[in-house]
């Protein structure tokens, strides 16, 4: 989704998908961006980064190494020890 996309549409769609998963909780406690948690751990987030809306998802290090080869996909500034 590019910088001209409507942020409300992205967040609504992400929320619809994420909240359909059992045990999911939504919070904005990390700087105002929306994050989705399961069992107390973040598994995705959605927000504005420098005027561009983005979606971050938790994936394995193996999948991460494949995904970053695609345009528009990059490793987030802040990641845990497991990627």
Protein backbone atom coordinates (compact mmCIF):
# COMPACT_ATOMS: atom_id res chain seq x y z
CA UNK A 1 0.00 0.00 0.00
CA UNK A 2 1.62 3.27 -1.11
CA UNK A 3 1.80 6.70 0.52
CA UNK A 4 -1.43 7.84 -1.15
CA UNK A 5 -3.48 5.02 0.36
CA UNK A 6 -6.04 6.01 2.94
CA UNK A 7 -4.63 5.04 6.35
CA UNK A 8 -8.06 4.38 7.84
CA UNK A 9 -8.76 1.75 5.21
CA UNK A 10 -5.49 -0.05 5.91
CA UNK A 11 -6.03 -0.03 9.67
CA UNK A 12 -9.64 -1.18 9.33
CA UNK A 13 -8.67 -4.08 7.11
CA UNK A 14 -5.73 -5.09 9.30
CA UNK A 15 -7.91 -4.87 12.42
CA UNK A 16 -10.60 -7.04 10.80
CA UNK A 17 -8.09 -9.77 9.93
CA UNK A 18 -6.10 -9.64 13.18
CA UNK A 19 -9.05 -9.49 15.56
CA UNK A 20 -10.58 -12.57 13.90
CA UNK A 21 -7.70 -14.60 15.34
CA UNK A 22 -8.46 -16.12 18.78
CA UNK A 23 -6.92 -14.34 21.75
CA UNK A 24 -5.85 -11.23 19.85
CA UNK A 25 -5.62 -7.90 21.66
CA UNK A 26 -5.06 -4.46 20.11
CA UNK A 27 -3.05 -1.67 21.73
CA UNK A 28 -1.36 1.61 20.89
CA UNK A 29 0.87 1.68 23.97
CA UNK A 30 4.06 1.80 21.85
CA UNK A 31 4.16 5.36 20.53
CA UNK A 32 0.60 5.55 19.25
CA UNK A 33 0.86 3.06 16.38
CA UNK A 34 -1.57 0.16 16.50
CA UNK A 35 -0.08 -3.20 17.49
CA UNK A 36 -1.73 -6.58 17.75
CA UNK A 37 -0.78 -9.07 20.46
CA UNK A 38 -1.40 -12.71 21.19
CA UNK A 39 -0.42 -14.22 24.53
CA UNK A 40 1.19 -10.90 25.45
CA UNK A 41 3.54 -10.79 22.44
CA UNK A 42 3.37 -8.51 19.42
CA UNK A 43 2.75 -10.27 16.13
CA UNK A 44 1.95 -7.27 13.90
CA UNK A 45 1.73 -3.51 13.82
CA UNK A 46 0.31 -0.84 11.55
CA UNK A 47 1.20 2.83 11.46
CA UNK A 48 2.75 5.87 9.84
CA UNK A 49 6.50 5.92 9.23
CA UNK A 50 7.64 9.26 7.87
CA UNK A 51 4.36 9.96 6.10
CA UNK A 52 4.06 6.47 4.60
CA UNK A 53 1.69 3.91 6.10
CA UNK A 54 3.21 0.53 6.76
CA UNK A 55 2.33 -2.86 8.10
CA UNK A 56 4.80 -4.95 10.06
CA UNK A 57 4.40 -8.64 10.80
CA UNK A 58 6.42 -11.08 12.82
CA UNK A 59 8.00 -13.80 10.70
CA UNK A 60 10.80 -16.30 11.16
CA UNK A 61 14.37 -15.25 10.36
CA UNK A 62 14.30 -17.69 7.42
CA UNK A 63 11.18 -16.11 5.89
CA UNK A 64 12.49 -12.63 6.67
CA UNK A 65 15.63 -13.31 4.59
CA UNK A 66 13.43 -14.21 1.60
CA UNK A 67 10.94 -11.35 1.98
CA UNK A 68 13.52 -8.55 2.14
CA UNK A 69 14.56 -9.36 -1.43
CA UNK A 70 11.27 -7.80 -2.62
CA UNK A 71 10.81 -4.07 -3.30
CA UNK A 72 9.05 -2.22 -0.51
CA UNK A 73 9.86 -4.82 2.15
CA UNK A 74 12.49 -4.07 4.76
CA UNK A 75 13.47 -5.06 8.27
CA UNK A 76 11.93 -2.81 10.91
CA UNK A 77 14.17 -0.49 12.91
CA UNK A 78 13.33 -2.31 16.12
CA UNK A 79 13.17 -6.09 16.15
CA UNK A 80 13.57 -8.65 18.88
CA UNK A 81 16.34 -11.20 19.09
CA UNK A 82 14.26 -13.69 17.08
CA UNK A 83 13.67 -11.34 14.16
